[in-house]
Amino acid sequence: MSEEAPAAKATILIYSDDRHTRDQVKVALGRRVAADVPELSTVECATHQAAIKVLDEGGIDLVIADGEAVPLGGMGLCRQAKDEVANCPPFLLLVERVADAWLATWSRADAVVPYPIDPIRLPASVAEVLRARLGEQARVS
């Protein structure tokens, strides 16, 4: 039996005030979104205050934020985090309307996926963003 070190995990923060949305995201992602991306670990936050606290602590590789969250939507959280959090991880925004893509640009989101949550499209977008993030971290190290 070999004693290989366990593969690193990619930690994803899922922000939504709606438990059902958070559950749908977790089910769509599963444990791994692509063979070349590490296994996933998730952290859930139902309030923007909790999400900012988790982001300040570090260790998050990607944030999936609900653009429809109340009282602060994912776009507002993204904009705030990009301005205030050192080494802010990339954000993937879930948006109700494709027309909201311009707001995602304003918030400096790294990716946008429309509702309803698609179990093929969401993992593909997450894999793409994580590849870029992990590649960037490898270049810095």
C-alpha atoms as a PDB file:
ATOM      1  CA  MET A   1       0.000   0.000   0.000  1.00  0.00           C
ATOM      2  CA  SER A   2       1.507   3.348  -1.000  1.00  0.00           C
ATOM      3  CA  GLU A   3       1.519   6.291   1.363  1.00  0.00           C
ATOM      4  CA  GLU A   4       0.776   9.096  -1.051  1.00  0.00           C
ATOM      5  CA  ALA A   5      -0.221  12.479   0.325  1.00  0.00           C
ATOM      6  CA  PRO A   6      -3.944  13.108  -0.149  1.00  0.00           C
ATOM      7  CA  ALA A   7      -4.729  15.318  -3.118  1.00  0.00           C
ATOM      8  CA  ALA A   8      -5.315  18.935  -2.204  1.00  0.00           C
ATOM      9  CA  LYS A   9      -8.939  20.049  -2.136  1.00  0.00           C
ATOM     10  CA  ALA A  10     -10.396  23.140  -3.717  1.00  0.00           C
ATOM     11  CA  THR A  11     -12.546  25.001  -1.199  1.00  0.00           C
ATOM     12  CA  ILE A  12     -15.672  26.668  -2.528  1.00  0.00           C
ATOM     13  CA  LEU A  13     -17.737  29.185  -0.585  1.00  0.00           C
ATOM     14  CA  ILE A  14     -21.416  28.995  -1.530  1.00  0.00           C
ATOM     15  CA  TYR A  15     -23.262  32.198  -0.623  1.00  0.00           C
ATOM     16  CA  SER A  16     -27.059  32.325  -0.727  1.00  0.00           C
ATOM     17  CA  ASP A  17     -29.758  33.198   1.765  1.00  0.00           C
ATOM     18  CA  ASP A  18     -31.765  30.305   0.294  1.00  0.00           C
ATOM     19  CA  ARG A  19     -30.873  26.845   1.632  1.00  0.00           C
ATOM     20  CA  HIS A  20     -32.495  25.223  -1.402  1.00  0.00           C
ATOM     21  CA  THR A  21     -30.168  27.157  -3.739  1.00  0.00           C
ATOM     22  CA  ARG A  22     -27.117  26.161  -1.700  1.00  0.00           C
ATOM     23  CA  ASP A  23     -28.222  22.522  -1.810  1.00  0.00           C
ATOM     24  CA  GLN A  24     -28.808  22.662  -5.578  1.00  0.00           C
ATOM     25  CA  VAL A  25     -25.293  24.034  -6.103  1.00  0.00           C
ATOM     26  CA  LYS A  26     -23.742  21.282  -3.981  1.00  0.00           C
ATOM     27  CA  VAL A  27     -25.670  18.564  -5.801  1.00  0.00           C
ATOM     28  CA  ALA A  28     -24.749  19.992  -9.234  1.00  0.00           C
ATOM     29  CA  LEU A  29     -21.055  20.141  -8.310  1.00  0.00           C
ATOM     30  CA  GLY A  30     -20.718  16.770  -6.647  1.00  0.00           C
ATOM     31  CA  ARG A  31     -17.292  15.885  -5.258  1.00  0.00           C
ATOM     32  CA  ARG A  32     -15.232  16.738  -8.348  1.00  0.00           C
ATOM     33  CA  VAL A  33     -16.081  18.851 -11.394  1.00  0.00           C
ATOM     34  CA  ALA A  34     -13.294  17.596 -13.674  1.00  0.00           C
ATOM     35  CA  ALA A  35     -10.508  15.033 -13.581  1.00  0.00           C
ATOM     36  CA  ASP A  36      -7.801  17.722 -13.678  1.00  0.00           C
ATOM     37  CA  VAL A  37      -9.316  19.735 -10.817  1.00  0.00           C
ATOM     38  CA  PRO A  38      -8.939  18.755  -7.147  1.00  0.00           C
ATOM     39  CA  GLU A  39     -11.784  17.275  -5.154  1.00  0.00           C
ATOM     40  CA  LEU A  40     -14.152  19.916  -3.794  1.00  0.00           C
ATOM     41  CA  SER A  41     -14.820  21.012  -0.259  1.00  0.00           C
ATOM     42  CA  THR A  42     -17.650  23.463   0.377  1.00  0.00           C
ATOM     43  CA  VAL A  43     -18.402  26.101   2.966  1.00  0.00           C
ATOM     44  CA  GLU A  44     -21.899  27.572   3.092  1.00  0.00           C
ATOM     45  CA  CYS A  45     -22.907  31.066   4.169  1.00  0.00           C
ATOM     46  CA  ALA A  46     -26.452  32.392   4.372  1.00  0.00           C
ATOM     47  CA  THR A  47     -25.490  36.005   5.220  1.00  0.00           C
ATOM     48  CA  HIS A  48     -23.083  38.420   3.629  1.00  0.00           C
ATOM     49  CA  GLN A  49     -21.503  39.113   7.033  1.00  0.00           C
ATOM     50  CA  ALA A  50     -20.637  35.438   7.437  1.00  0.00           C
ATOM     51  CA  ALA A  51     -19.311  35.286   3.874  1.00  0.00           C
ATOM     52  CA  ILE A  52     -17.008  38.277   4.406  1.00  0.00           C
ATOM     53  CA  LYS A  53     -15.742  36.728   7.641  1.00  0.00           C
ATOM     54  CA  VAL A  54     -14.924  33.455   5.867  1.00  0.00           C
ATOM     55  CA  LEU A  55     -13.229  35.347   3.030  1.00  0.00           C
ATOM     56  CA  ASP A  56     -11.148  37.363   5.501  1.00  0.00           C
ATOM     57  CA  GLU A  57      -9.948  34.109   7.091  1.00  0.00           C
ATOM     58  CA  GLY A  58      -8.610  32.931   3.718  1.00  0.00           C
ATOM     59  CA  GLY A  59      -8.376  29.472   2.209  1.00  0.00           C
ATOM     60  CA  ILE A  60     -11.220  29.905  -0.279  1.00  0.00           C
ATOM     61  CA  ASP A  61     -10.462  29.023  -3.908  1.00  0.00           C
ATOM     62  CA  LEU A  62     -13.775  30.116  -5.433  1.00  0.00           C
ATOM     63  CA  VAL A  63     -16.985  31.843  -4.352  1.00  0.00           C
ATOM     64  CA  ILE A  64     -20.297  30.895  -5.916  1.00  0.00           C
ATOM     65  CA  ALA A  65     -22.658  33.742  -5.060  1.00  0.00           C
ATOM     66  CA  ASP A  66     -26.410  33.966  -5.534  1.00  0.00           C
ATOM     67  CA  GLY A  67     -27.217  37.164  -7.388  1.00  0.00           C
ATOM     68  CA  GLU A  68     -30.726  37.025  -5.916  1.00  0.00           C
ATOM     69  CA  ALA A  69     -29.676  36.795  -2.235  1.00  0.00           C
ATOM     70  CA  VAL A  70     -31.311  39.241   0.172  1.00  0.00           C
ATOM     71  CA  PRO A  71     -30.497  41.772   1.576  1.00  0.00           C
ATOM     72  CA  LEU A  72     -27.110  41.834  -0.214  1.00  0.00           C
ATOM     73  CA  GLY A  73     -27.007  40.003  -3.514  1.00  0.00           C
ATOM     74  CA  GLY A  74     -24.030  38.141  -4.857  1.00  0.00           C
ATOM     75  CA  MET A  75     -23.069  41.058  -7.100  1.00  0.00           C
ATOM     76  CA  GLY A  76     -22.830  43.440  -4.168  1.00  0.00           C
ATOM     77  CA  LEU A  77     -20.856  40.876  -2.171  1.00  0.00           C
ATOM     78  CA  CYS A  78     -18.509  40.357  -5.098  1.00  0.00           C
ATOM     79  CA  ARG A  79     -17.893  44.080  -5.544  1.00  0.00           C
ATOM     80  CA  GLN A  80     -17.289  44.536  -1.802  1.00  0.00           C
ATOM     81  CA  ALA A  81     -14.961  41.530  -1.579  1.00  0.00           C
ATOM     82  CA  LYS A  82     -12.950  42.554  -4.640  1.00  0.00           C
ATOM     83  CA  ASP A  83     -12.441  45.993  -3.014  1.00  0.00           C
ATOM     84  CA  GLU A  84     -11.775  44.846   0.556  1.00  0.00           C
ATOM     85  CA  VAL A  85     -10.428  41.277   0.710  1.00  0.00           C
ATOM     86  CA  ALA A  86      -6.703  40.755   0.168  1.00  0.00           C
ATOM     87  CA  ASN A  87      -6.037  38.072  -2.464  1.00  0.00           C
ATOM     88  CA  CYS A  88      -9.750  37.826  -3.157  1.00  0.00           C
ATOM     89  CA  PRO A  89     -10.705  34.507  -4.754  1.00  0.00           C
ATOM     90  CA  PRO A  90     -12.602  34.450  -8.039  1.00  0.00           C
ATOM     91  CA  PHE A  91     -16.376  34.828  -7.990  1.00  0.00           C
ATOM     92  CA  LEU A  92     -18.926  32.931 -10.039  1.00  0.00           C
ATOM     93  CA  LEU A  93     -22.330  34.629  -9.944  1.00  0.00           C
ATOM     94  CA  LEU A  94     -25.673  32.905 -10.335  1.00  0.00           C
ATOM     95  CA  VAL A  95     -28.033  35.324 -12.074  1.00  0.00           C
ATOM     96  CA  GLU A  96     -31.753  35.180 -12.749  1.00  0.00           C
ATOM     97  CA  ARG A  97     -31.676  37.151 -15.978  1.00  0.00           C
ATOM     98  CA  VAL A  98     -29.063  36.981 -18.724  1.00  0.00           C
ATOM     99  CA  ALA A  99     -29.551  40.767 -18.999  1.00  0.00           C
ATOM    100  CA  ASP A 100     -27.884  41.016 -15.564  1.00  0.00           C
ATOM    101  CA  ALA A 101     -24.531  40.094 -17.115  1.00  0.00           C
ATOM    102  CA  TRP A 102     -23.599  43.796 -17.278  1.00  0.00           C
ATOM    103  CA  LEU A 103     -24.041  44.021 -13.502  1.00  0.00           C
ATOM    104  CA  ALA A 104     -21.721  41.057 -13.123  1.00  0.00           C
ATOM    105  CA  THR A 105     -19.134  43.017 -15.098  1.00  0.00           C
ATOM    106  CA  TRP A 106     -19.636  45.981 -12.748  1.00  0.00           C
ATOM    107  CA  SER A 107     -19.133  43.705  -9.745  1.00  0.00           C
ATOM    108  CA  ARG A 108     -15.908  42.298 -11.297  1.00  0.00           C
ATOM    109  CA  ALA A 109     -17.190  38.711 -11.296  1.00  0.00           C
ATOM    110  CA  ASP A 110     -14.971  36.132 -12.955  1.00  0.00           C
ATOM    111  CA  ALA A 111     -17.850  34.063 -14.368  1.00  0.00           C
ATOM    112  CA  VAL A 112     -21.637  34.160 -14.648  1.00  0.00           C
ATOM    113  CA  VAL A 113     -24.055  31.240 -14.815  1.00  0.00           C
ATOM    114  CA  PRO A 114     -27.807  31.786 -15.268  1.00  0.00           C
ATOM    115  CA  TYR A 115     -30.582  30.139 -13.270  1.00  0.00           C
ATOM    116  CA  PRO A 116     -31.939  27.522 -13.232  1.00  0.00           C
ATOM    117  CA  ILE A 117     -28.878  25.703 -11.950  1.00  0.00           C
ATOM    118  CA  ASP A 118     -27.718  23.425 -14.731  1.00  0.00           C
ATOM    119  CA  PRO A 119     -25.810  20.299 -13.570  1.00  0.00           C
ATOM    120  CA  ILE A 120     -23.639  20.414 -16.699  1.00  0.00           C
ATOM    121  CA  ARG A 121     -23.049  24.126 -17.185  1.00  0.00           C
ATOM    122  CA  LEU A 122     -22.290  24.995 -13.532  1.00  0.00           C
ATOM    123  CA  PRO A 123     -19.576  22.323 -13.015  1.00  0.00           C
ATOM    124  CA  ALA A 124     -17.997  23.221 -16.382  1.00  0.00           C
ATOM    125  CA  SER A 125     -17.809  26.900 -15.389  1.00  0.00           C
ATOM    126  CA  VAL A 126     -16.464  26.026 -11.932  1.00  0.00           C
ATOM    127  CA  ALA A 127     -13.772  23.807 -13.486  1.00  0.00           C
ATOM    128  CA  GLU A 128     -12.742  26.606 -15.859  1.00  0.00           C
ATOM    129  CA  VAL A 129     -12.449  29.187 -13.083  1.00  0.00           C
ATOM    130  CA  LEU A 130     -10.614  26.781 -10.751  1.00  0.00           C
ATOM    131  CA  ARG A 131      -8.109  25.846 -13.471  1.00  0.00           C
ATOM    132  CA  ALA A 132      -7.286  29.529 -13.915  1.00  0.00           C
ATOM    133  CA  ARG A 133      -7.077  30.109 -10.140  1.00  0.00           C
ATOM    134  CA  LEU A 134      -4.923  27.073  -9.410  1.00  0.00           C
ATOM    135  CA  GLY A 135      -2.674  27.803 -12.395  1.00  0.00           C
ATOM    136  CA  GLU A 136      -2.225  31.372 -11.146  1.00  0.00           C
ATOM    137  CA  GLN A 137      -1.369  30.127  -7.638  1.00  0.00           C
ATOM    138  CA  ALA A 138       1.189  27.688  -9.073  1.00  0.00           C
ATOM    139  CA  ARG A 139       2.913  30.507 -11.003  1.00  0.00           C
ATOM    140  CA  VAL A 140       3.116  32.641  -7.846  1.00  0.00           C
ATOM    141  CA  SER A 141       4.532  29.821  -5.685  1.00  0.00           C
END
